[in-house]
């Protein structure tokens, strides 16, 4: 079971990836986690990635794919895995396919968690984060019982820069430009499956499970 999760920022693909990983006992792999682990462990690939990150540059596709393939070679991936946040672009997808083909492997599913932009803006601009402990709330779906104060530690809740409507719109435009073409790419390969991400997360998960167990 080799799965790629697709979806705009705030669509809930990370939540679904964690739920799939837990149910099917396969690793949930994000490039951020891979970068951090390699940098922490001082690997050669990690040192190379750190050079770019320290300069505020994006890690090149070739190096990112090397890091991902290195992670997929580990024992815990023998039964499958879920890629979250990678690939982000067509060149990354092609490089990943090429590297997997050399191992006689290919992806089984690309699952697109589909949520309209206006829903995402509403969803993300309603988030509130604690300045103290980092706990997160939502003014509609999960409000703090203490208003704009954190229930856990009593510090103030704020709307993060990342979640402000103007920032969300920017992130969405980057997503549509770079990542949306992957939907066509995986449709052509016959592995794209789309679920309605506007539903309750448990209903979304039920739809994903139905696809995986069909």
N, C-alpha and C. Protein backbone atom coordinates (compact mmCIF):
# COMPACT_ATOMS: atom_id res chain seq x y z
N UNK A 1 0.85 -1.19 0.00
CA UNK A 1 0.00 0.00 0.00
C UNK A 1 0.89 1.25 0.00
N UNK A 2 1.08 1.78 -1.20
CA UNK A 2 1.94 2.98 -1.34
C UNK A 2 1.04 4.14 -1.78
N UNK A 3 0.92 5.12 -0.92
CA UNK A 3 -0.08 6.17 -1.12
C UNK A 3 0.57 7.56 -1.11
N UNK A 4 0.11 8.40 -2.04
CA UNK A 4 0.47 9.82 -2.03
C UNK A 4 -0.78 10.60 -1.63
N UNK A 5 -0.65 11.50 -0.66
CA UNK A 5 -1.77 12.35 -0.27
C UNK A 5 -1.65 13.69 -0.98
N UNK A 6 -2.72 14.08 -1.67
CA UNK A 6 -2.76 15.38 -2.34
C UNK A 6 -3.89 16.22 -1.75
N UNK A 7 -3.75 17.53 -1.86
CA UNK A 7 -4.78 18.42 -1.35
C UNK A 7 -4.16 19.75 -0.98
N UNK A 8 -4.96 20.79 -1.04
CA UNK A 8 -4.46 22.13 -0.75
C UNK A 8 -4.09 22.26 0.73
N UNK A 9 -3.28 23.29 1.08
CA UNK A 9 -2.98 23.53 2.49
C UNK A 9 -4.29 23.75 3.25
N UNK A 10 -4.47 23.04 4.35
CA UNK A 10 -5.70 23.21 5.13
C UNK A 10 -6.82 22.29 4.71
N UNK A 11 -6.58 21.44 3.71
CA UNK A 11 -7.64 20.52 3.24
C UNK A 11 -7.83 19.35 4.21
N UNK A 12 -6.83 19.12 5.07
CA UNK A 12 -6.93 18.03 6.05
C UNK A 12 -6.22 16.76 5.62
N UNK A 13 -5.33 16.86 4.61
CA UNK A 13 -4.67 15.64 4.13
C UNK A 13 -3.71 15.06 5.17
N UNK A 14 -3.09 15.94 5.97
CA UNK A 14 -2.17 15.45 7.02
C UNK A 14 -2.91 14.64 8.07
N UNK A 15 -4.09 15.12 8.46
CA UNK A 15 -4.93 14.40 9.43
C UNK A 15 -5.31 13.03 8.88
N UNK A 16 -5.75 13.00 7.60
CA UNK A 16 -6.12 11.72 6.98
C UNK A 16 -4.93 10.78 6.89
N UNK A 17 -3.76 11.34 6.54
CA UNK A 17 -2.55 10.52 6.43
C UNK A 17 -2.24 9.83 7.76
N UNK A 18 -2.37 10.59 8.86
CA UNK A 18 -2.09 10.01 10.20
C UNK A 18 -3.10 8.90 10.52
N UNK A 19 -4.37 9.13 10.16
CA UNK A 19 -5.40 8.13 10.45
C UNK A 19 -5.19 6.85 9.63
N UNK A 20 -4.79 7.01 8.36
CA UNK A 20 -4.50 5.84 7.50
C UNK A 20 -3.30 5.08 8.08
N UNK A 21 -2.26 5.83 8.45
CA UNK A 21 -1.04 5.21 8.99
C UNK A 21 -1.35 4.39 10.24
N UNK A 22 -2.21 4.94 11.09
CA UNK A 22 -2.57 4.27 12.33
C UNK A 22 -3.39 3.00 12.07
N UNK A 23 -4.36 3.11 11.16
CA UNK A 23 -5.24 1.95 10.88
C UNK A 23 -4.49 0.81 10.20
N UNK A 24 -3.64 1.16 9.23
CA UNK A 24 -2.99 0.11 8.43
C UNK A 24 -1.55 -0.19 8.86
N UNK A 25 -1.11 0.50 9.93
CA UNK A 25 0.23 0.25 10.49
C UNK A 25 1.33 0.41 9.45
N UNK A 26 1.27 1.53 8.71
CA UNK A 26 2.36 1.87 7.78
C UNK A 26 2.83 3.28 8.14
N UNK A 27 4.10 3.63 7.83
CA UNK A 27 4.61 4.93 8.24
C UNK A 27 4.01 6.10 7.45
N UNK A 28 3.76 7.18 8.16
CA UNK A 28 3.31 8.45 7.58
C UNK A 28 4.56 9.30 7.40
N UNK A 29 4.89 9.59 6.13
CA UNK A 29 6.18 10.23 5.84
C UNK A 29 5.98 11.62 5.26
N UNK A 30 6.53 12.61 5.94
CA UNK A 30 6.50 13.97 5.38
C UNK A 30 7.94 14.43 5.15
N UNK A 31 8.14 15.23 4.10
CA UNK A 31 9.51 15.66 3.78
C UNK A 31 10.11 16.47 4.92
N UNK A 32 9.26 17.25 5.60
CA UNK A 32 9.76 18.03 6.74
C UNK A 32 10.40 17.14 7.79
N UNK A 33 9.72 16.03 8.11
CA UNK A 33 10.25 15.08 9.10
C UNK A 33 11.55 14.45 8.61
N UNK A 34 11.60 14.14 7.30
CA UNK A 34 12.82 13.52 6.73
C UNK A 34 13.99 14.49 6.83
N UNK A 35 13.76 15.76 6.44
CA UNK A 35 14.82 16.77 6.53
C UNK A 35 15.33 16.88 7.96
N UNK A 36 14.39 17.02 8.90
CA UNK A 36 14.78 17.20 10.31
C UNK A 36 15.58 16.01 10.83
N UNK A 37 15.12 14.79 10.51
CA UNK A 37 15.80 13.58 10.99
C UNK A 37 17.22 13.48 10.43
N UNK A 38 17.38 13.75 9.14
CA UNK A 38 18.71 13.66 8.53
C UNK A 38 19.65 14.74 9.05
N UNK A 39 19.13 15.94 9.27
CA UNK A 39 19.96 17.03 9.80
C UNK A 39 20.38 16.70 11.23
N UNK A 40 19.41 16.21 12.03
CA UNK A 40 19.69 15.86 13.43
C UNK A 40 20.75 14.76 13.52
N UNK A 41 20.64 13.77 12.60
CA UNK A 41 21.57 12.64 12.64
C UNK A 41 22.88 12.91 11.91
N UNK A 42 22.97 14.11 11.29
CA UNK A 42 24.22 14.50 10.64
C UNK A 42 24.59 13.65 9.44
N UNK A 43 23.58 13.13 8.71
CA UNK A 43 23.88 12.31 7.53
C UNK A 43 24.43 13.20 6.41
N UNK A 44 25.06 12.58 5.42
CA UNK A 44 25.60 13.34 4.28
C UNK A 44 24.47 14.10 3.57
N UNK A 45 23.36 13.39 3.33
CA UNK A 45 22.21 14.03 2.67
C UNK A 45 21.67 15.17 3.53
N UNK A 46 21.65 14.94 4.85
CA UNK A 46 21.17 15.97 5.78
C UNK A 46 22.03 17.21 5.76
N UNK A 47 23.35 17.02 5.69
CA UNK A 47 24.28 18.16 5.63
C UNK A 47 24.05 18.98 4.37
N UNK A 48 23.83 18.27 3.24
CA UNK A 48 23.58 18.97 1.98
C UNK A 48 22.28 19.77 2.06
N UNK A 49 21.23 19.14 2.61
CA UNK A 49 19.93 19.81 2.72
C UNK A 49 20.05 21.05 3.62
N UNK A 50 20.82 20.91 4.70
CA UNK A 50 20.96 22.01 5.67
C UNK A 50 21.61 23.24 5.03
N UNK A 51 22.55 23.00 4.12
CA UNK A 51 23.22 24.11 3.43
C UNK A 51 22.20 24.99 2.70
N UNK A 52 21.25 24.34 2.03
CA UNK A 52 20.21 25.10 1.31
C UNK A 52 19.25 25.78 2.29
N UNK A 53 18.82 25.02 3.30
CA UNK A 53 17.83 25.54 4.25
C UNK A 53 18.38 26.72 5.05
N UNK A 54 19.66 26.65 5.39
CA UNK A 54 20.28 27.74 6.15
C UNK A 54 20.31 29.04 5.35
N UNK A 55 20.31 28.91 4.03
CA UNK A 55 20.31 30.11 3.17
C UNK A 55 18.89 30.54 2.79
N UNK A 56 17.90 29.82 3.35
CA UNK A 56 16.51 30.14 3.04
C UNK A 56 16.09 29.68 1.66
N UNK A 57 16.86 28.72 1.09
CA UNK A 57 16.56 28.23 -0.27
C UNK A 57 15.77 26.92 -0.19
N UNK A 58 15.00 26.64 -1.24
CA UNK A 58 14.33 25.34 -1.33
C UNK A 58 15.36 24.26 -1.61
N UNK A 59 15.17 23.11 -0.98
CA UNK A 59 16.07 21.98 -1.25
C UNK A 59 15.78 21.50 -2.68
N UNK A 60 16.81 21.37 -3.54
CA UNK A 60 16.57 20.97 -4.94
C UNK A 60 15.85 19.62 -5.05
N UNK A 61 15.08 19.46 -6.13
CA UNK A 61 14.29 18.25 -6.33
C UNK A 61 15.13 16.98 -6.23
N UNK A 62 16.30 16.99 -6.88
CA UNK A 62 17.14 15.79 -6.92
C UNK A 62 17.52 15.33 -5.50
N UNK A 63 17.92 16.31 -4.67
CA UNK A 63 18.31 15.98 -3.30
C UNK A 63 17.10 15.54 -2.48
N UNK A 64 15.96 16.22 -2.69
CA UNK A 64 14.74 15.85 -1.96
C UNK A 64 14.34 14.41 -2.30
N UNK A 65 14.40 14.06 -3.59
CA UNK A 65 14.04 12.69 -4.01
C UNK A 65 15.01 11.69 -3.40
N UNK A 66 16.32 12.02 -3.37
CA UNK A 66 17.31 11.13 -2.75
C UNK A 66 16.96 10.88 -1.28
N UNK A 67 16.59 11.95 -0.57
CA UNK A 67 16.23 11.83 0.85
C UNK A 67 14.98 10.96 1.02
N UNK A 68 14.00 11.16 0.15
CA UNK A 68 12.75 10.39 0.24
C UNK A 68 13.02 8.91 -0.05
N UNK A 69 13.76 8.64 -1.11
CA UNK A 69 14.05 7.23 -1.48
C UNK A 69 14.86 6.55 -0.37
N UNK A 70 15.79 7.28 0.21
CA UNK A 70 16.57 6.75 1.35
C UNK A 70 15.61 6.36 2.49
N UNK A 71 14.62 7.21 2.75
CA UNK A 71 13.64 6.92 3.83
C UNK A 71 12.78 5.70 3.46
N UNK A 72 12.39 5.60 2.17
CA UNK A 72 11.53 4.50 1.74
C UNK A 72 12.27 3.16 1.74
N UNK A 73 13.61 3.22 1.83
CA UNK A 73 14.42 1.99 1.84
C UNK A 73 14.48 1.37 3.23
N UNK A 74 13.97 2.09 4.23
CA UNK A 74 14.06 1.58 5.61
C UNK A 74 13.03 0.47 5.84
N UNK A 75 13.35 -0.40 6.81
CA UNK A 75 12.55 -1.62 7.04
C UNK A 75 11.08 -1.35 7.29
N UNK A 76 10.77 -0.25 7.98
CA UNK A 76 9.36 -0.02 8.34
C UNK A 76 8.48 0.30 7.13
N UNK A 77 9.11 0.52 5.96
CA UNK A 77 8.34 0.82 4.74
C UNK A 77 8.07 -0.43 3.90
N UNK A 78 8.47 -1.59 4.41
CA UNK A 78 8.37 -2.81 3.59
C UNK A 78 6.91 -3.15 3.26
N UNK A 79 5.95 -2.75 4.12
CA UNK A 79 4.54 -3.06 3.88
C UNK A 79 3.80 -1.89 3.23
N UNK A 80 4.53 -0.81 2.97
CA UNK A 80 3.90 0.37 2.37
C UNK A 80 4.16 1.62 3.17
N UNK A 81 3.61 2.73 2.70
CA UNK A 81 3.84 4.03 3.35
C UNK A 81 2.88 5.06 2.76
N UNK A 82 2.78 6.18 3.45
CA UNK A 82 1.96 7.30 2.98
C UNK A 82 2.85 8.52 2.86
N UNK A 83 2.94 9.08 1.65
CA UNK A 83 3.72 10.30 1.42
C UNK A 83 2.81 11.52 1.56
N UNK A 84 3.21 12.43 2.44
CA UNK A 84 2.39 13.62 2.72
C UNK A 84 3.24 14.87 2.46
N UNK A 85 2.83 15.66 1.46
CA UNK A 85 3.59 16.88 1.14
C UNK A 85 4.68 16.65 0.10
N UNK A 86 4.69 15.47 -0.48
CA UNK A 86 5.66 15.14 -1.54
C UNK A 86 5.03 14.06 -2.40
N UNK A 87 5.18 14.12 -3.73
CA UNK A 87 5.79 15.22 -4.50
C UNK A 87 4.88 16.44 -4.57
N UNK A 88 5.51 17.62 -4.77
CA UNK A 88 4.75 18.87 -4.88
C UNK A 88 4.67 19.36 -6.32
N UNK A 89 5.56 18.85 -7.16
CA UNK A 89 5.62 19.32 -8.55
C UNK A 89 5.75 18.13 -9.50
N UNK A 90 5.49 18.38 -10.78
CA UNK A 90 5.61 17.31 -11.79
C UNK A 90 7.05 16.77 -11.85
N UNK A 91 8.10 17.62 -11.89
CA UNK A 91 9.47 17.06 -11.91
C UNK A 91 9.75 16.15 -10.71
N UNK A 92 9.23 16.52 -9.52
CA UNK A 92 9.42 15.65 -8.35
C UNK A 92 8.71 14.32 -8.54
N UNK A 93 7.49 14.38 -9.10
CA UNK A 93 6.71 13.16 -9.31
C UNK A 93 7.42 12.24 -10.32
N UNK A 94 7.96 12.85 -11.38
CA UNK A 94 8.66 12.05 -12.39
C UNK A 94 9.93 11.43 -11.82
N UNK A 95 10.65 12.21 -11.01
CA UNK A 95 11.88 11.70 -10.39
C UNK A 95 11.56 10.56 -9.42
N UNK A 96 10.46 10.73 -8.66
CA UNK A 96 10.05 9.67 -7.73
C UNK A 96 9.68 8.41 -8.49
N UNK A 97 8.89 8.55 -9.56
CA UNK A 97 8.50 7.38 -10.37
C UNK A 97 9.73 6.66 -10.91
N UNK A 98 10.70 7.45 -11.39
CA UNK A 98 11.92 6.87 -11.96
C UNK A 98 12.71 6.10 -10.92
N UNK A 99 12.83 6.69 -9.72
CA UNK A 99 13.59 6.04 -8.65
C UNK A 99 12.89 4.76 -8.17
N UNK A 100 11.55 4.81 -8.10
CA UNK A 100 10.80 3.61 -7.68
C UNK A 100 10.89 2.52 -8.74
N UNK A 101 10.84 2.92 -10.02
CA UNK A 101 10.90 1.95 -11.12
C UNK A 101 12.19 1.14 -11.06
N UNK A 102 13.29 1.80 -10.67
CA UNK A 102 14.58 1.11 -10.55
C UNK A 102 14.51 0.01 -9.49
N UNK A 103 13.60 0.19 -8.53
CA UNK A 103 13.43 -0.81 -7.45
C UNK A 103 12.30 -1.79 -7.79
N UNK A 104 11.74 -1.65 -9.00
CA UNK A 104 10.63 -2.51 -9.40
C UNK A 104 9.34 -2.20 -8.66
N UNK A 105 9.19 -0.93 -8.26
CA UNK A 105 8.01 -0.52 -7.48
C UNK A 105 7.29 0.62 -8.17
N UNK A 106 6.04 0.86 -7.75
CA UNK A 106 5.31 2.04 -8.20
C UNK A 106 4.27 2.41 -7.15
N UNK A 107 3.75 3.63 -7.22
CA UNK A 107 2.72 4.06 -6.28
C UNK A 107 1.41 3.36 -6.60
N UNK A 108 0.61 3.10 -5.54
CA UNK A 108 -0.69 2.44 -5.74
C UNK A 108 -1.83 3.44 -5.87
N UNK A 109 -1.80 4.46 -5.03
CA UNK A 109 -2.89 5.45 -5.02
C UNK A 109 -2.35 6.87 -4.83
N UNK A 110 -2.99 7.82 -5.49
CA UNK A 110 -2.82 9.24 -5.15
C UNK A 110 -4.20 9.71 -4.71
N UNK A 111 -4.34 10.01 -3.43
CA UNK A 111 -5.66 10.38 -2.89
C UNK A 111 -5.74 11.89 -2.73
N UNK A 112 -6.67 12.49 -3.45
CA UNK A 112 -6.85 13.94 -3.44
C UNK A 112 -7.98 14.32 -2.49
N UNK A 113 -7.64 15.02 -1.40
CA UNK A 113 -8.65 15.51 -0.46
C UNK A 113 -9.11 16.87 -1.00
N UNK A 114 -10.28 16.88 -1.61
CA UNK A 114 -10.75 18.04 -2.36
C UNK A 114 -11.62 18.96 -1.50
N UNK A 115 -11.17 20.20 -1.34
CA UNK A 115 -11.92 21.20 -0.58
C UNK A 115 -11.86 22.52 -1.36
N UNK A 116 -13.02 23.16 -1.63
CA UNK A 116 -12.99 24.45 -2.34
C UNK A 116 -12.19 25.51 -1.57
N UNK A 117 -11.56 26.41 -2.32
CA UNK A 117 -10.72 27.44 -1.70
C UNK A 117 -11.45 28.22 -0.61
N UNK A 118 -12.72 28.61 -0.89
CA UNK A 118 -13.42 29.46 0.09
C UNK A 118 -13.62 28.73 1.42
N UNK A 119 -13.82 27.39 1.36
CA UNK A 119 -13.94 26.60 2.60
C UNK A 119 -12.62 26.61 3.37
N UNK A 120 -11.51 26.51 2.62
CA UNK A 120 -10.19 26.48 3.27
C UNK A 120 -9.89 27.81 3.95
N UNK A 121 -10.21 28.91 3.28
CA UNK A 121 -9.97 30.24 3.86
C UNK A 121 -10.77 30.37 5.16
N UNK A 122 -12.04 29.96 5.14
CA UNK A 122 -12.88 30.03 6.34
C UNK A 122 -12.33 29.14 7.44
N UNK A 123 -11.93 27.93 7.04
CA UNK A 123 -11.43 26.93 8.00
C UNK A 123 -10.16 27.43 8.68
N UNK A 124 -9.20 27.95 7.86
CA UNK A 124 -7.91 28.33 8.42
C UNK A 124 -7.95 29.66 9.16
N UNK A 125 -8.79 30.60 8.68
CA UNK A 125 -8.83 31.90 9.36
C UNK A 125 -9.58 31.81 10.69
N UNK A 126 -10.25 30.66 10.92
CA UNK A 126 -10.91 30.45 12.21
C UNK A 126 -10.01 29.79 13.24
N UNK A 127 -8.81 29.39 12.81
CA UNK A 127 -7.88 28.75 13.75
C UNK A 127 -7.32 29.77 14.73
N UNK A 128 -7.09 29.32 15.95
CA UNK A 128 -6.42 30.15 16.95
C UNK A 128 -5.36 29.29 17.64
N UNK A 129 -4.17 29.86 17.81
CA UNK A 129 -3.07 29.12 18.42
C UNK A 129 -2.65 29.79 19.72
N UNK A 130 -2.28 28.97 20.71
CA UNK A 130 -1.84 29.50 22.00
C UNK A 130 -0.39 29.98 21.91
N UNK A 131 -0.13 31.20 22.41
CA UNK A 131 1.23 31.74 22.39
C UNK A 131 2.13 31.05 23.42
N UNK A 132 1.49 30.34 24.36
CA UNK A 132 2.27 29.66 25.39
C UNK A 132 2.61 28.23 25.04
N UNK A 133 1.58 27.36 25.06
CA UNK A 133 1.85 25.91 24.89
C UNK A 133 1.66 25.42 23.45
N UNK A 134 1.12 26.29 22.57
CA UNK A 134 0.97 25.89 21.16
C UNK A 134 -0.32 25.13 20.88
N UNK A 135 -1.20 24.97 21.88
CA UNK A 135 -2.48 24.28 21.66
C UNK A 135 -3.27 25.05 20.60
N UNK A 136 -4.05 24.30 19.79
CA UNK A 136 -4.82 24.97 18.74
C UNK A 136 -6.32 24.80 18.96
N UNK A 137 -7.04 25.83 18.56
CA UNK A 137 -8.50 25.85 18.68
C UNK A 137 -9.08 26.33 17.35
N UNK A 138 -10.43 26.28 17.25
CA UNK A 138 -11.11 26.87 16.10
C UNK A 138 -12.34 27.59 16.61
N UNK A 139 -12.54 28.84 16.17
CA UNK A 139 -13.61 29.66 16.73
C UNK A 139 -15.00 29.08 16.48
N UNK A 140 -15.13 28.22 15.44
CA UNK A 140 -16.43 27.59 15.16
C UNK A 140 -16.46 26.14 15.64
N UNK A 141 -15.46 25.36 15.22
CA UNK A 141 -15.51 23.91 15.43
C UNK A 141 -14.95 23.45 16.78
N UNK A 142 -14.04 24.24 17.35
CA UNK A 142 -13.41 23.81 18.61
C UNK A 142 -12.98 25.04 19.42
N UNK A 143 -13.96 25.90 19.82
CA UNK A 143 -13.57 27.13 20.52
C UNK A 143 -13.08 26.86 21.94
N UNK A 144 -12.21 27.75 22.42
CA UNK A 144 -11.79 27.67 23.82
C UNK A 144 -12.97 28.10 24.69
N UNK A 145 -13.19 27.37 25.79
CA UNK A 145 -14.28 27.73 26.72
C UNK A 145 -13.98 29.05 27.43
N UNK A 146 -12.73 29.50 27.29
CA UNK A 146 -12.33 30.76 27.96
C UNK A 146 -12.17 31.91 26.97
N UNK A 147 -12.87 31.82 25.83
CA UNK A 147 -12.79 32.91 24.86
C UNK A 147 -11.46 32.91 24.14
N UNK A 148 -10.70 34.04 24.29
CA UNK A 148 -9.40 34.10 23.61
C UNK A 148 -8.25 33.73 24.53
N UNK A 149 -8.56 32.92 25.56
CA UNK A 149 -7.54 32.43 26.50
C UNK A 149 -7.46 30.91 26.37
N UNK A 150 -6.24 30.37 26.42
CA UNK A 150 -6.02 28.93 26.30
C UNK A 150 -6.54 28.19 27.53
N UNK A 151 -7.30 27.12 27.30
CA UNK A 151 -7.81 26.30 28.41
C UNK A 151 -6.69 25.55 29.11
N UNK A 152 -5.60 25.28 28.38
CA UNK A 152 -4.53 24.44 28.93
C UNK A 152 -3.61 25.23 29.86
N UNK A 153 -3.11 26.39 29.34
CA UNK A 153 -2.08 27.09 30.14
C UNK A 153 -2.46 28.54 30.50
N UNK A 154 -3.59 29.03 29.97
CA UNK A 154 -4.02 30.37 30.36
C UNK A 154 -3.40 31.51 29.58
N UNK A 155 -2.58 31.19 28.56
CA UNK A 155 -1.98 32.24 27.75
C UNK A 155 -2.97 32.70 26.66
N UNK A 156 -2.59 33.77 25.94
CA UNK A 156 -3.48 34.35 24.92
C UNK A 156 -3.49 33.51 23.64
N UNK A 157 -4.68 33.46 23.01
CA UNK A 157 -4.80 32.79 21.71
C UNK A 157 -4.70 33.83 20.60
N UNK A 158 -3.99 33.49 19.52
CA UNK A 158 -3.81 34.44 18.41
C UNK A 158 -4.13 33.77 17.06
N UNK A 159 -4.39 34.61 16.07
CA UNK A 159 -4.51 34.15 14.68
C UNK A 159 -3.10 34.26 14.09
N UNK A 160 -2.51 33.11 13.75
CA UNK A 160 -1.14 33.11 13.24
C UNK A 160 -1.07 33.74 11.85
N UNK A 161 0.10 34.29 11.52
CA UNK A 161 0.31 34.89 10.19
C UNK A 161 -0.08 33.92 9.08
N UNK A 162 0.33 32.65 9.24
CA UNK A 162 0.05 31.60 8.25
C UNK A 162 -1.43 31.41 7.98
N UNK A 163 -2.25 31.73 8.99
CA UNK A 163 -3.69 31.45 8.89
C UNK A 163 -4.51 32.68 8.51
N UNK A 164 -3.86 33.83 8.34
CA UNK A 164 -4.59 35.04 7.95
C UNK A 164 -5.09 34.87 6.51
N UNK A 165 -6.32 35.37 6.20
CA UNK A 165 -6.90 35.14 4.88
C UNK A 165 -5.97 35.50 3.72
N UNK A 166 -5.26 36.65 3.82
CA UNK A 166 -4.40 37.05 2.70
C UNK A 166 -3.24 36.06 2.49
N UNK A 167 -2.71 35.51 3.62
CA UNK A 167 -1.63 34.51 3.52
C UNK A 167 -2.16 33.20 2.94
N UNK A 168 -3.35 32.82 3.39
CA UNK A 168 -3.96 31.58 2.90
C UNK A 168 -4.20 31.66 1.39
N UNK A 169 -4.71 32.82 0.93
CA UNK A 169 -4.94 33.01 -0.52
C UNK A 169 -3.63 32.85 -1.30
N UNK A 170 -2.53 33.40 -0.75
CA UNK A 170 -1.22 33.28 -1.42
C UNK A 170 -0.79 31.82 -1.49
N UNK A 171 -0.94 31.11 -0.37
CA UNK A 171 -0.53 29.70 -0.32
C UNK A 171 -1.37 28.86 -1.30
N UNK A 172 -2.64 29.20 -1.41
CA UNK A 172 -3.52 28.48 -2.32
C UNK A 172 -3.13 28.72 -3.78
N UNK A 173 -2.74 29.96 -4.09
CA UNK A 173 -2.37 30.25 -5.48
C UNK A 173 -1.09 29.50 -5.86
N UNK A 174 -0.14 29.40 -4.91
CA UNK A 174 1.08 28.61 -5.16
C UNK A 174 0.72 27.14 -5.36
N UNK A 175 -0.20 26.65 -4.52
CA UNK A 175 -0.64 25.25 -4.63
C UNK A 175 -1.25 24.98 -6.01
N UNK A 176 -2.16 25.86 -6.45
CA UNK A 176 -2.83 25.63 -7.73
C UNK A 176 -1.84 25.66 -8.89
N UNK A 177 -0.86 26.54 -8.77
CA UNK A 177 0.12 26.68 -9.85
C UNK A 177 1.06 25.48 -9.92
N UNK A 178 1.55 25.04 -8.75
CA UNK A 178 2.60 24.01 -8.72
C UNK A 178 2.06 22.59 -8.58
N UNK A 179 1.10 22.43 -7.67
CA UNK A 179 0.71 21.07 -7.27
C UNK A 179 -0.52 20.57 -7.98
N UNK A 180 -1.42 21.47 -8.36
CA UNK A 180 -2.64 21.06 -9.07
C UNK A 180 -2.33 20.19 -10.31
N UNK A 181 -1.26 20.51 -11.09
CA UNK A 181 -0.96 19.66 -12.26
C UNK A 181 -0.73 18.18 -11.91
N UNK A 182 -0.36 17.91 -10.64
CA UNK A 182 -0.17 16.52 -10.23
C UNK A 182 -1.48 15.73 -10.32
N UNK A 183 -2.59 16.42 -10.14
CA UNK A 183 -3.89 15.75 -10.21
C UNK A 183 -4.08 15.18 -11.62
N UNK A 184 -3.73 15.98 -12.63
CA UNK A 184 -3.80 15.49 -14.03
C UNK A 184 -2.80 14.36 -14.26
N UNK A 185 -1.60 14.53 -13.70
CA UNK A 185 -0.52 13.55 -13.87
C UNK A 185 -0.95 12.18 -13.35
N UNK A 186 -1.51 12.15 -12.12
CA UNK A 186 -1.91 10.87 -11.53
C UNK A 186 -3.23 10.35 -12.09
N UNK A 187 -4.05 11.26 -12.63
CA UNK A 187 -5.27 10.82 -13.34
C UNK A 187 -4.86 10.01 -14.56
N UNK A 188 -3.86 10.53 -15.31
CA UNK A 188 -3.37 9.83 -16.51
C UNK A 188 -2.79 8.47 -16.17
N UNK A 189 -2.19 8.37 -14.97
CA UNK A 189 -1.63 7.08 -14.55
C UNK A 189 -2.71 6.11 -14.06
N UNK A 190 -3.91 6.65 -13.86
CA UNK A 190 -5.03 5.81 -13.42
C UNK A 190 -5.04 5.50 -11.94
N UNK A 191 -4.26 6.26 -11.13
CA UNK A 191 -4.22 5.95 -9.69
C UNK A 191 -4.85 7.06 -8.83
N UNK A 192 -5.36 8.13 -9.46
CA UNK A 192 -5.95 9.22 -8.67
C UNK A 192 -7.34 8.83 -8.17
N UNK A 193 -7.57 9.08 -6.87
CA UNK A 193 -8.89 8.91 -6.27
C UNK A 193 -9.19 10.21 -5.51
N UNK A 194 -10.39 10.74 -5.69
CA UNK A 194 -10.74 12.01 -5.03
C UNK A 194 -11.81 11.78 -3.98
N UNK A 195 -11.61 12.38 -2.80
CA UNK A 195 -12.64 12.33 -1.75
C UNK A 195 -13.07 13.76 -1.41
N UNK A 196 -14.31 13.89 -0.96
CA UNK A 196 -14.87 15.19 -0.60
C UNK A 196 -14.38 15.57 0.80
N UNK A 197 -13.44 16.53 0.84
CA UNK A 197 -12.83 16.92 2.11
C UNK A 197 -13.65 17.91 2.92
N UNK A 198 -14.85 18.28 2.42
CA UNK A 198 -15.68 19.23 3.19
C UNK A 198 -16.48 18.51 4.28
N UNK A 199 -16.50 17.18 4.22
CA UNK A 199 -17.25 16.41 5.22
C UNK A 199 -16.51 16.37 6.56
N UNK A 200 -17.17 15.84 7.57
CA UNK A 200 -16.53 15.57 8.86
C UNK A 200 -15.34 14.65 8.62
N UNK A 201 -14.26 14.83 9.39
CA UNK A 201 -13.03 14.08 9.10
C UNK A 201 -13.23 12.57 9.18
N UNK A 202 -14.15 12.11 10.03
CA UNK A 202 -14.40 10.67 10.11
C UNK A 202 -15.11 10.16 8.86
N UNK A 203 -15.97 11.00 8.26
CA UNK A 203 -16.64 10.63 7.01
C UNK A 203 -15.64 10.61 5.85
N UNK A 204 -14.70 11.57 5.88
CA UNK A 204 -13.63 11.59 4.86
C UNK A 204 -12.82 10.31 4.98
N UNK A 205 -12.50 9.95 6.22
CA UNK A 205 -11.69 8.74 6.45
C UNK A 205 -12.43 7.49 5.99
N UNK A 206 -13.73 7.45 6.21
CA UNK A 206 -14.54 6.30 5.76
C UNK A 206 -14.48 6.19 4.24
N UNK A 207 -14.51 7.34 3.56
CA UNK A 207 -14.42 7.35 2.08
C UNK A 207 -13.06 6.86 1.61
N UNK A 208 -12.00 7.29 2.33
CA UNK A 208 -10.64 6.85 1.99
C UNK A 208 -10.50 5.33 2.20
N UNK A 209 -11.00 4.86 3.33
CA UNK A 209 -10.94 3.42 3.65
C UNK A 209 -11.63 2.59 2.59
N UNK A 210 -12.79 3.09 2.12
CA UNK A 210 -13.56 2.37 1.09
C UNK A 210 -12.72 2.22 -0.19
N UNK A 211 -11.98 3.28 -0.54
CA UNK A 211 -11.10 3.24 -1.72
C UNK A 211 -10.00 2.19 -1.54
N UNK A 212 -9.36 2.24 -0.35
CA UNK A 212 -8.21 1.36 -0.11
C UNK A 212 -8.61 -0.12 0.00
N UNK A 213 -9.86 -0.35 0.37
CA UNK A 213 -10.29 -1.75 0.59
C UNK A 213 -11.20 -2.25 -0.52
N UNK A 214 -11.33 -1.46 -1.58
CA UNK A 214 -12.20 -1.87 -2.70
C UNK A 214 -11.62 -3.08 -3.42
